[in-house]
Amino acid sequence: MNPVIAGITLRQLLSRRRTILLLLLGGVLVLVALIYRLAGDGRDDLDFTSGLLDNLGLAALMPLVALLFGTSTIGSEVEDGTAVFLLAKPVSRWTILLTKLFVAVGCSILITGVPILLAGLIAAGGSGDGLVVGFTLAAAFGSAVYCALFVFLSLVTGRSLVIGLGYVLIWEGVLAGIFAGTRTFSVRQYSLSLADAIAEVPSSVLDAPLGLTTALVMGVVVAGIATLLAGRRLVNVEIAGEAT
């Protein structure tokens, strides 16, 4: 990892207005949990917490954060031509990619995981029998897979934001809930399986359709292939005046 590139990437990602919007979205998650805690009677804490962290955390906050960070960390630079200043430096392009991916994953985990952790602790009135920890770790795992996928997408198409949003809304939001076979290729389902495996709650509270082994293997495979293809794509990007 290159510390200079990491610092530049961190400033680029966290200085955008979209980051403020993502923080506000995470704040909504915490606010809903707080309202429930102040108004609820505590009898359905686990059910409410599970639904909140799944529907607003894993299904909304996690993919949106990863999508914005993943598609803007390097793909946008290649598209608008500013990446030429970075790619022309005597630094391995694999180092550039992995550094930027690492920063994107770290930012995504932070902005997704902290609100999920806080909202879970508030809504459940504690750890919720491992439910809060499960969803927090699941969000970290899912964020890493999403970022790898979206970084690759940003290097192969200028419409990565639209395509990524379509994948999240249509494939994961609709098709994965209707057709069981599509869940094998759903990052949200991978995360949900990890949360279910960690949490010690009844199946009526949380029951992921995918097995843990399948979820972990598929998540690692998807992230690995996406990173490999993204690296090869970046290596093949030519800049003016570069020897062929």
C-alpha atoms as a PDB file:
ATOM      1  CA  MET A   1       0.000   0.000   0.000  1.00  0.00           C
ATOM      2  CA  ASN A   2       1.235   3.487  -0.894  1.00  0.00           C
ATOM      3  CA  PRO A   3       0.650   5.992   1.972  1.00  0.00           C
ATOM      4  CA  VAL A   4       0.746   9.031  -0.322  1.00  0.00           C
ATOM      5  CA  ILE A   5      -1.912   7.623  -2.656  1.00  0.00           C
ATOM      6  CA  ALA A   6      -3.915   6.502   0.355  1.00  0.00           C
ATOM      7  CA  GLY A   7      -3.894  10.008   1.801  1.00  0.00           C
ATOM      8  CA  ILE A   8      -4.922  11.595  -1.496  1.00  0.00           C
ATOM      9  CA  THR A   9      -7.717   9.055  -1.975  1.00  0.00           C
ATOM     10  CA  LEU A  10      -8.972   9.557   1.561  1.00  0.00           C
ATOM     11  CA  ARG A  11      -9.228  13.313   1.040  1.00  0.00           C
ATOM     12  CA  GLN A  12     -10.989  12.808  -2.289  1.00  0.00           C
ATOM     13  CA  LEU A  13     -13.591  10.453  -0.863  1.00  0.00           C
ATOM     14  CA  LEU A  14     -14.342  12.304   2.351  1.00  0.00           C
ATOM     15  CA  SER A  15     -14.363  15.829   0.938  1.00  0.00           C
ATOM     16  CA  ARG A  16     -17.326  15.288  -1.348  1.00  0.00           C
ATOM     17  CA  ARG A  17     -20.866  16.448  -0.585  1.00  0.00           C
ATOM     18  CA  ARG A  18     -22.095  12.910  -1.105  1.00  0.00           C
ATOM     19  CA  THR A  19     -20.200  11.872   2.008  1.00  0.00           C
ATOM     20  CA  ILE A  20     -22.306  14.290   4.059  1.00  0.00           C
ATOM     21  CA  LEU A  21     -25.451  12.757   2.575  1.00  0.00           C
ATOM     22  CA  LEU A  22     -24.242   9.280   3.524  1.00  0.00           C
ATOM     23  CA  LEU A  23     -23.570  10.446   7.071  1.00  0.00           C
ATOM     24  CA  LEU A  24     -27.098  11.835   7.205  1.00  0.00           C
ATOM     25  CA  LEU A  25     -28.464   8.504   5.979  1.00  0.00           C
ATOM     26  CA  GLY A  26     -26.560   6.740   8.722  1.00  0.00           C
ATOM     27  CA  GLY A  27     -27.943   9.296  11.146  1.00  0.00           C
ATOM     28  CA  VAL A  28     -31.480   8.406  10.071  1.00  0.00           C
ATOM     29  CA  LEU A  29     -30.773   4.788  11.016  1.00  0.00           C
ATOM     30  CA  VAL A  30     -29.689   5.849  14.497  1.00  0.00           C
ATOM     31  CA  LEU A  31     -32.613   8.280  14.804  1.00  0.00           C
ATOM     32  CA  VAL A  32     -35.170   5.580  14.003  1.00  0.00           C
ATOM     33  CA  ALA A  33     -33.614   3.336  16.644  1.00  0.00           C
ATOM     34  CA  LEU A  34     -33.704   6.158  19.168  1.00  0.00           C
ATOM     35  CA  ILE A  35     -37.352   6.915  18.462  1.00  0.00           C
ATOM     36  CA  TYR A  36     -38.211   3.256  18.915  1.00  0.00           C
ATOM     37  CA  ARG A  37     -36.302   3.089  22.197  1.00  0.00           C
ATOM     38  CA  LEU A  38     -38.094   6.151  23.550  1.00  0.00           C
ATOM     39  CA  ALA A  39     -41.555   5.061  22.393  1.00  0.00           C
ATOM     40  CA  GLY A  40     -41.389   1.253  22.451  1.00  0.00           C
ATOM     41  CA  ASP A  41     -42.369  -1.076  25.245  1.00  0.00           C
ATOM     42  CA  GLY A  42     -39.338  -3.377  24.784  1.00  0.00           C
ATOM     43  CA  ARG A  43     -41.277  -6.564  24.061  1.00  0.00           C
ATOM     44  CA  ASP A  44     -40.221  -6.830  20.413  1.00  0.00           C
ATOM     45  CA  ASP A  45     -36.698  -5.436  20.643  1.00  0.00           C
ATOM     46  CA  LEU A  46     -34.986  -8.258  18.749  1.00  0.00           C
ATOM     47  CA  ASP A  47     -37.573  -8.369  15.953  1.00  0.00           C
ATOM     48  CA  PHE A  48     -37.448  -4.607  15.474  1.00  0.00           C
ATOM     49  CA  THR A  49     -33.651  -4.459  15.619  1.00  0.00           C
ATOM     50  CA  SER A  50     -33.274  -7.280  13.100  1.00  0.00           C
ATOM     51  CA  GLY A  51     -35.688  -5.646  10.677  1.00  0.00           C
ATOM     52  CA  LEU A  52     -34.118  -2.213  11.088  1.00  0.00           C
ATOM     53  CA  LEU A  53     -30.527  -3.340  10.593  1.00  0.00           C
ATOM     54  CA  ASP A  54     -31.462  -5.557   7.662  1.00  0.00           C
ATOM     55  CA  ASN A  55     -33.787  -3.249   5.737  1.00  0.00           C
ATOM     56  CA  LEU A  56     -32.124   0.101   6.426  1.00  0.00           C
ATOM     57  CA  GLY A  57     -28.622  -1.105   7.222  1.00  0.00           C
ATOM     58  CA  LEU A  58     -27.703  -3.977   4.914  1.00  0.00           C
ATOM     59  CA  ALA A  59     -30.234  -3.292   2.176  1.00  0.00           C
ATOM     60  CA  ALA A  60     -29.912   0.498   1.929  1.00  0.00           C
ATOM     61  CA  LEU A  61     -26.974   2.089   3.740  1.00  0.00           C
ATOM     62  CA  MET A  62     -24.317  -0.563   3.042  1.00  0.00           C
ATOM     63  CA  PRO A  63     -24.702  -0.815  -0.772  1.00  0.00           C
ATOM     64  CA  LEU A  64     -25.187   2.933  -1.291  1.00  0.00           C
ATOM     65  CA  VAL A  65     -22.048   3.831   0.654  1.00  0.00           C
ATOM     66  CA  ALA A  66     -19.976   1.184  -1.132  1.00  0.00           C
ATOM     67  CA  LEU A  67     -21.419   2.179  -4.510  1.00  0.00           C
ATOM     68  CA  LEU A  68     -20.496   5.846  -4.147  1.00  0.00           C
ATOM     69  CA  PHE A  69     -17.046   5.176  -2.736  1.00  0.00           C
ATOM     70  CA  GLY A  70     -16.266   2.248  -5.025  1.00  0.00           C
ATOM     71  CA  THR A  71     -17.213   3.987  -8.255  1.00  0.00           C
ATOM     72  CA  SER A  72     -15.497   7.267  -7.405  1.00  0.00           C
ATOM     73  CA  THR A  73     -12.204   6.048  -5.967  1.00  0.00           C
ATOM     74  CA  ILE A  74     -10.491   5.522  -9.343  1.00  0.00           C
ATOM     75  CA  GLY A  75     -13.000   4.956 -12.126  1.00  0.00           C
ATOM     76  CA  SER A  76     -14.086   8.573 -12.225  1.00  0.00           C
ATOM     77  CA  GLU A  77     -10.440   9.655 -12.509  1.00  0.00           C
ATOM     78  CA  VAL A  78      -9.875   7.362 -15.475  1.00  0.00           C
ATOM     79  CA  GLU A  79     -13.053   8.613 -17.131  1.00  0.00           C
ATOM     80  CA  ASP A  80     -12.320  12.345 -16.804  1.00  0.00           C
ATOM     81  CA  GLY A  81      -8.621  11.966 -17.636  1.00  0.00           C
ATOM     82  CA  THR A  82      -7.168  13.112 -14.303  1.00  0.00           C
ATOM     83  CA  ALA A  83      -5.843   9.612 -13.618  1.00  0.00           C
ATOM     84  CA  VAL A  84      -3.048  10.271 -16.121  1.00  0.00           C
ATOM     85  CA  PHE A  85      -1.126  12.189 -13.445  1.00  0.00           C
ATOM     86  CA  LEU A  86      -1.310   9.194 -11.124  1.00  0.00           C
ATOM     87  CA  LEU A  87      -0.716   6.445 -13.667  1.00  0.00           C
ATOM     88  CA  ALA A  88       2.324   8.257 -15.069  1.00  0.00           C
ATOM     89  CA  LYS A  89       4.131   8.000 -11.747  1.00  0.00           C
ATOM     90  CA  PRO A  90       6.677   5.192 -11.186  1.00  0.00           C
ATOM     91  CA  VAL A  91       4.278   3.241  -8.999  1.00  0.00           C
ATOM     92  CA  SER A  92       2.900  -0.187  -9.798  1.00  0.00           C
ATOM     93  CA  ARG A  93      -0.660   0.027 -11.020  1.00  0.00           C
ATOM     94  CA  TRP A  94      -1.513  -2.922  -8.836  1.00  0.00           C
ATOM     95  CA  THR A  95      -0.282  -0.890  -5.878  1.00  0.00           C
ATOM     96  CA  ILE A  96      -2.461   2.010  -6.991  1.00  0.00           C
ATOM     97  CA  LEU A  97      -5.518  -0.203  -7.312  1.00  0.00           C
ATOM     98  CA  LEU A  98      -5.073  -2.063  -4.035  1.00  0.00           C
ATOM     99  CA  THR A  99      -4.345   1.136  -2.133  1.00  0.00           C
ATOM    100  CA  LYS A 100      -7.428   2.876  -3.461  1.00  0.00           C
ATOM    101  CA  LEU A 101      -9.558  -0.212  -2.895  1.00  0.00           C
ATOM    102  CA  PHE A 102      -8.268  -0.485   0.677  1.00  0.00           C
ATOM    103  CA  VAL A 103      -9.196   3.138   1.395  1.00  0.00           C
ATOM    104  CA  ALA A 104     -12.641   2.733  -0.197  1.00  0.00           C
ATOM    105  CA  VAL A 105     -13.318  -0.383   1.864  1.00  0.00           C
ATOM    106  CA  GLY A 106     -12.123   1.303   5.052  1.00  0.00           C
ATOM    107  CA  CYS A 107     -14.316   4.354   4.501  1.00  0.00           C
ATOM    108  CA  SER A 108     -17.312   2.192   3.635  1.00  0.00           C
ATOM    109  CA  ILE A 109     -16.908   0.045   6.733  1.00  0.00           C
ATOM    110  CA  LEU A 110     -16.595   3.116   8.933  1.00  0.00           C
ATOM    111  CA  ILE A 111     -19.587   5.022   7.563  1.00  0.00           C
ATOM    112  CA  THR A 112     -21.741   1.877   7.420  1.00  0.00           C
ATOM    113  CA  GLY A 113     -20.602  -0.018  10.483  1.00  0.00           C
ATOM    114  CA  VAL A 114     -20.710   2.768  13.084  1.00  0.00           C
ATOM    115  CA  PRO A 115     -24.388   3.715  12.474  1.00  0.00           C
ATOM    116  CA  ILE A 116     -25.383   0.038  12.385  1.00  0.00           C
ATOM    117  CA  LEU A 117     -23.572  -0.593  15.659  1.00  0.00           C
ATOM    118  CA  LEU A 118     -25.060   2.447  17.380  1.00  0.00           C
ATOM    119  CA  ALA A 119     -28.569   1.868  16.048  1.00  0.00           C
ATOM    120  CA  GLY A 120     -28.415  -1.795  17.053  1.00  0.00           C
ATOM    121  CA  LEU A 121     -27.253  -1.066  20.590  1.00  0.00           C
ATOM    122  CA  ILE A 122     -29.978   1.538  21.030  1.00  0.00           C
ATOM    123  CA  ALA A 123     -32.826  -0.472  19.507  1.00  0.00           C
ATOM    124  CA  ALA A 124     -31.941  -3.753  21.195  1.00  0.00           C
ATOM    125  CA  GLY A 125     -31.034  -2.134  24.488  1.00  0.00           C
ATOM    126  CA  GLY A 126     -27.681  -3.916  24.383  1.00  0.00           C
ATOM    127  CA  SER A 127     -25.982  -6.555  22.271  1.00  0.00           C
ATOM    128  CA  GLY A 128     -29.254  -8.310  21.456  1.00  0.00           C
ATOM    129  CA  ASP A 129     -27.803 -11.803  21.989  1.00  0.00           C
ATOM    130  CA  GLY A 130     -25.084 -11.138  19.444  1.00  0.00           C
ATOM    131  CA  LEU A 131     -27.475  -9.642  16.891  1.00  0.00           C
ATOM    132  CA  VAL A 132     -25.810  -6.225  16.889  1.00  0.00           C
ATOM    133  CA  VAL A 133     -22.294  -7.641  16.597  1.00  0.00           C
ATOM    134  CA  GLY A 134     -23.459  -9.995  13.856  1.00  0.00           C
ATOM    135  CA  PHE A 135     -24.919  -7.213  11.738  1.00  0.00           C
ATOM    136  CA  THR A 136     -21.893  -4.972  12.308  1.00  0.00           C
ATOM    137  CA  LEU A 137     -19.427  -7.630  11.148  1.00  0.00           C
ATOM    138  CA  ALA A 138     -21.760  -8.571   8.304  1.00  0.00           C
ATOM    139  CA  ALA A 139     -21.780  -4.942   7.162  1.00  0.00           C
ATOM    140  CA  ALA A 140     -17.979  -4.903   7.139  1.00  0.00           C
ATOM    141  CA  PHE A 141     -17.831  -8.092   5.070  1.00  0.00           C
ATOM    142  CA  GLY A 142     -20.502  -6.920   2.647  1.00  0.00           C
ATOM    143  CA  SER A 143     -18.884  -3.492   2.256  1.00  0.00           C
ATOM    144  CA  ALA A 144     -15.596  -5.095   1.213  1.00  0.00           C
ATOM    145  CA  VAL A 145     -17.276  -7.295  -1.398  1.00  0.00           C
ATOM    146  CA  TYR A 146     -19.399  -4.442  -2.719  1.00  0.00           C
ATOM    147  CA  CYS A 147     -16.404  -2.093  -3.025  1.00  0.00           C
ATOM    148  CA  ALA A 148     -14.373  -4.625  -4.997  1.00  0.00           C
ATOM    149  CA  LEU A 149     -17.320  -5.184  -7.315  1.00  0.00           C
ATOM    150  CA  PHE A 150     -18.025  -1.491  -7.846  1.00  0.00           C
ATOM    151  CA  VAL A 151     -14.370  -0.538  -8.343  1.00  0.00           C
ATOM    152  CA  PHE A 152     -14.178  -3.105 -11.136  1.00  0.00           C
ATOM    153  CA  LEU A 153     -17.441  -1.841 -12.603  1.00  0.00           C
ATOM    154  CA  SER A 154     -16.150   1.737 -12.622  1.00  0.00           C
ATOM    155  CA  LEU A 155     -13.111   0.690 -14.681  1.00  0.00           C
ATOM    156  CA  VAL A 156     -15.096  -0.998 -17.447  1.00  0.00           C
ATOM    157  CA  THR A 157     -18.006   1.381 -17.960  1.00  0.00           C
ATOM    158  CA  GLY A 158     -18.781   5.058 -17.593  1.00  0.00           C
ATOM    159  CA  ARG A 159     -22.249   4.173 -16.322  1.00  0.00           C
ATOM    160  CA  SER A 160     -21.045   2.253 -13.297  1.00  0.00           C
ATOM    161  CA  LEU A 161     -23.169   4.285 -10.884  1.00  0.00           C
ATOM    162  CA  VAL A 162     -26.366   3.563 -12.804  1.00  0.00           C
ATOM    163  CA  ILE A 163     -25.553  -0.105 -13.363  1.00  0.00           C
ATOM    164  CA  GLY A 164     -24.529  -0.568  -9.748  1.00  0.00           C
ATOM    165  CA  LEU A 165     -27.710   1.077  -8.528  1.00  0.00           C
ATOM    166  CA  GLY A 166     -29.721  -1.157 -10.844  1.00  0.00           C
ATOM    167  CA  TYR A 167     -28.002  -4.235  -9.415  1.00  0.00           C
ATOM    168  CA  VAL A 168     -28.767  -3.163  -5.853  1.00  0.00           C
ATOM    169  CA  LEU A 169     -32.387  -2.185  -6.487  1.00  0.00           C
ATOM    170  CA  ILE A 170     -33.481  -4.771  -9.035  1.00  0.00           C
ATOM    171  CA  TRP A 171     -31.314  -7.841  -8.520  1.00  0.00           C
ATOM    172  CA  GLU A 172     -30.887  -7.682  -4.763  1.00  0.00           C
ATOM    173  CA  GLY A 173     -34.013  -5.724  -3.873  1.00  0.00           C
ATOM    174  CA  VAL A 174     -36.507  -7.603  -6.043  1.00  0.00           C
ATOM    175  CA  LEU A 175     -35.219 -10.734  -7.758  1.00  0.00           C
ATOM    176  CA  ALA A 176     -33.295 -12.113  -4.767  1.00  0.00           C
ATOM    177  CA  GLY A 177     -36.484 -11.930  -2.734  1.00  0.00           C
ATOM    178  CA  ILE A 178     -38.493 -13.867  -5.334  1.00  0.00           C
ATOM    179  CA  PHE A 179     -36.146 -16.403  -6.907  1.00  0.00           C
ATOM    180  CA  ALA A 180     -34.046 -18.505  -4.564  1.00  0.00           C
ATOM    181  CA  GLY A 181     -31.354 -19.163  -7.183  1.00  0.00           C
ATOM    182  CA  THR A 182     -30.445 -15.480  -7.506  1.00  0.00           C
ATOM    183  CA  ARG A 183     -29.505 -15.264  -3.813  1.00  0.00           C
ATOM    184  CA  THR A 184     -26.248 -17.075  -4.542  1.00  0.00           C
ATOM    185  CA  PHE A 185     -25.126 -13.922  -6.354  1.00  0.00           C
ATOM    186  CA  SER A 186     -26.417 -11.406  -3.809  1.00  0.00           C
ATOM    187  CA  VAL A 187     -23.923  -9.589  -1.601  1.00  0.00           C
ATOM    188  CA  ARG A 188     -26.689  -8.639   0.791  1.00  0.00           C
ATOM    189  CA  GLN A 189     -27.538 -12.321   1.272  1.00  0.00           C
ATOM    190  CA  TYR A 190     -23.873 -13.106   1.985  1.00  0.00           C
ATOM    191  CA  SER A 191     -23.902 -10.472   4.715  1.00  0.00           C
ATOM    192  CA  LEU A 192     -27.217 -11.640   6.126  1.00  0.00           C
ATOM    193  CA  SER A 193     -25.889 -15.198   6.408  1.00  0.00           C
ATOM    194  CA  LEU A 194     -22.879 -14.007   8.388  1.00  0.00           C
ATOM    195  CA  ALA A 195     -25.100 -11.997  10.726  1.00  0.00           C
ATOM    196  CA  ASP A 196     -27.343 -15.013  11.228  1.00  0.00           C
ATOM    197  CA  ALA A 197     -24.383 -17.278  12.016  1.00  0.00           C
ATOM    198  CA  ILE A 198     -23.023 -14.899  14.667  1.00  0.00           C
ATOM    199  CA  ALA A 199     -26.296 -13.919  16.316  1.00  0.00           C
ATOM    200  CA  GLU A 200     -27.748 -16.287  18.878  1.00  0.00           C
ATOM    201  CA  VAL A 201     -31.378 -15.513  18.178  1.00  0.00           C
ATOM    202  CA  PRO A 202     -34.389 -17.660  17.160  1.00  0.00           C
ATOM    203  CA  SER A 203     -35.071 -18.254  13.481  1.00  0.00           C
ATOM    204  CA  SER A 204     -38.244 -16.203  13.862  1.00  0.00           C
ATOM    205  CA  VAL A 205     -36.021 -13.168  14.428  1.00  0.00           C
ATOM    206  CA  LEU A 206     -33.356 -13.820  11.791  1.00  0.00           C
ATOM    207  CA  ASP A 207     -33.221 -16.700   9.340  1.00  0.00           C
ATOM    208  CA  ALA A 208     -30.877 -16.250   6.374  1.00  0.00           C
ATOM    209  CA  PRO A 209     -31.677 -18.418   3.339  1.00  0.00           C
ATOM    210  CA  LEU A 210     -28.036 -19.009   2.384  1.00  0.00           C
ATOM    211  CA  GLY A 211     -25.704 -21.251   4.362  1.00  0.00           C
ATOM    212  CA  LEU A 212     -22.674 -19.628   5.974  1.00  0.00           C
ATOM    213  CA  THR A 213     -20.112 -21.624   3.986  1.00  0.00           C
ATOM    214  CA  THR A 214     -21.764 -20.770   0.682  1.00  0.00           C
ATOM    215  CA  ALA A 215     -22.014 -17.108   1.640  1.00  0.00           C
ATOM    216  CA  LEU A 216     -18.380 -16.770   2.707  1.00  0.00           C
ATOM    217  CA  VAL A 217     -16.982 -18.695  -0.247  1.00  0.00           C
ATOM    218  CA  MET A 218     -19.079 -16.791  -2.775  1.00  0.00           C
ATOM    219  CA  GLY A 219     -18.259 -13.461  -1.151  1.00  0.00           C
ATOM    220  CA  VAL A 220     -14.517 -14.115  -1.278  1.00  0.00           C
ATOM    221  CA  VAL A 221     -14.734 -15.432  -4.849  1.00  0.00           C
ATOM    222  CA  VAL A 222     -16.739 -12.438  -6.086  1.00  0.00           C
ATOM    223  CA  ALA A 223     -14.406  -9.956  -4.383  1.00  0.00           C
ATOM    224  CA  GLY A 224     -11.303 -11.793  -5.599  1.00  0.00           C
ATOM    225  CA  ILE A 225     -12.415 -12.043  -9.219  1.00  0.00           C
ATOM    226  CA  ALA A 226     -13.577  -8.421  -9.269  1.00  0.00           C
ATOM    227  CA  THR A 227     -10.232  -7.230  -7.866  1.00  0.00           C
ATOM    228  CA  LEU A 228      -8.255  -9.365 -10.325  1.00  0.00           C
ATOM    229  CA  LEU A 229     -10.221  -8.091 -13.329  1.00  0.00           C
ATOM    230  CA  ALA A 230     -10.005  -4.509 -12.090  1.00  0.00           C
ATOM    231  CA  GLY A 231      -6.235  -4.827 -11.758  1.00  0.00           C
ATOM    232  CA  ARG A 232      -5.848  -6.223 -15.250  1.00  0.00           C
ATOM    233  CA  ARG A 233      -8.056  -3.478 -16.631  1.00  0.00           C
ATOM    234  CA  LEU A 234      -6.024  -0.750 -14.926  1.00  0.00           C
ATOM    235  CA  VAL A 235      -2.739  -2.270 -16.114  1.00  0.00           C
ATOM    236  CA  ASN A 236      -4.020  -2.120 -19.683  1.00  0.00           C
ATOM    237  CA  VAL A 237      -5.048   1.533 -19.506  1.00  0.00           C
ATOM    238  CA  GLU A 238      -2.775   3.520 -21.830  1.00  0.00           C
ATOM    239  CA  ILE A 239      -1.801   7.133 -21.362  1.00  0.00           C
ATOM    240  CA  ALA A 240      -0.573   9.579 -23.969  1.00  0.00           C
ATOM    241  CA  GLY A 241       3.133   9.221 -24.672  1.00  0.00           C
ATOM    242  CA  GLU A 242       3.406   5.824 -22.996  1.00  0.00           C
ATOM    243  CA  ALA A 243       5.456   3.229 -24.802  1.00  0.00           C
ATOM    244  CA  THR A 244       3.462   0.398 -26.314  1.00  0.00           C
END
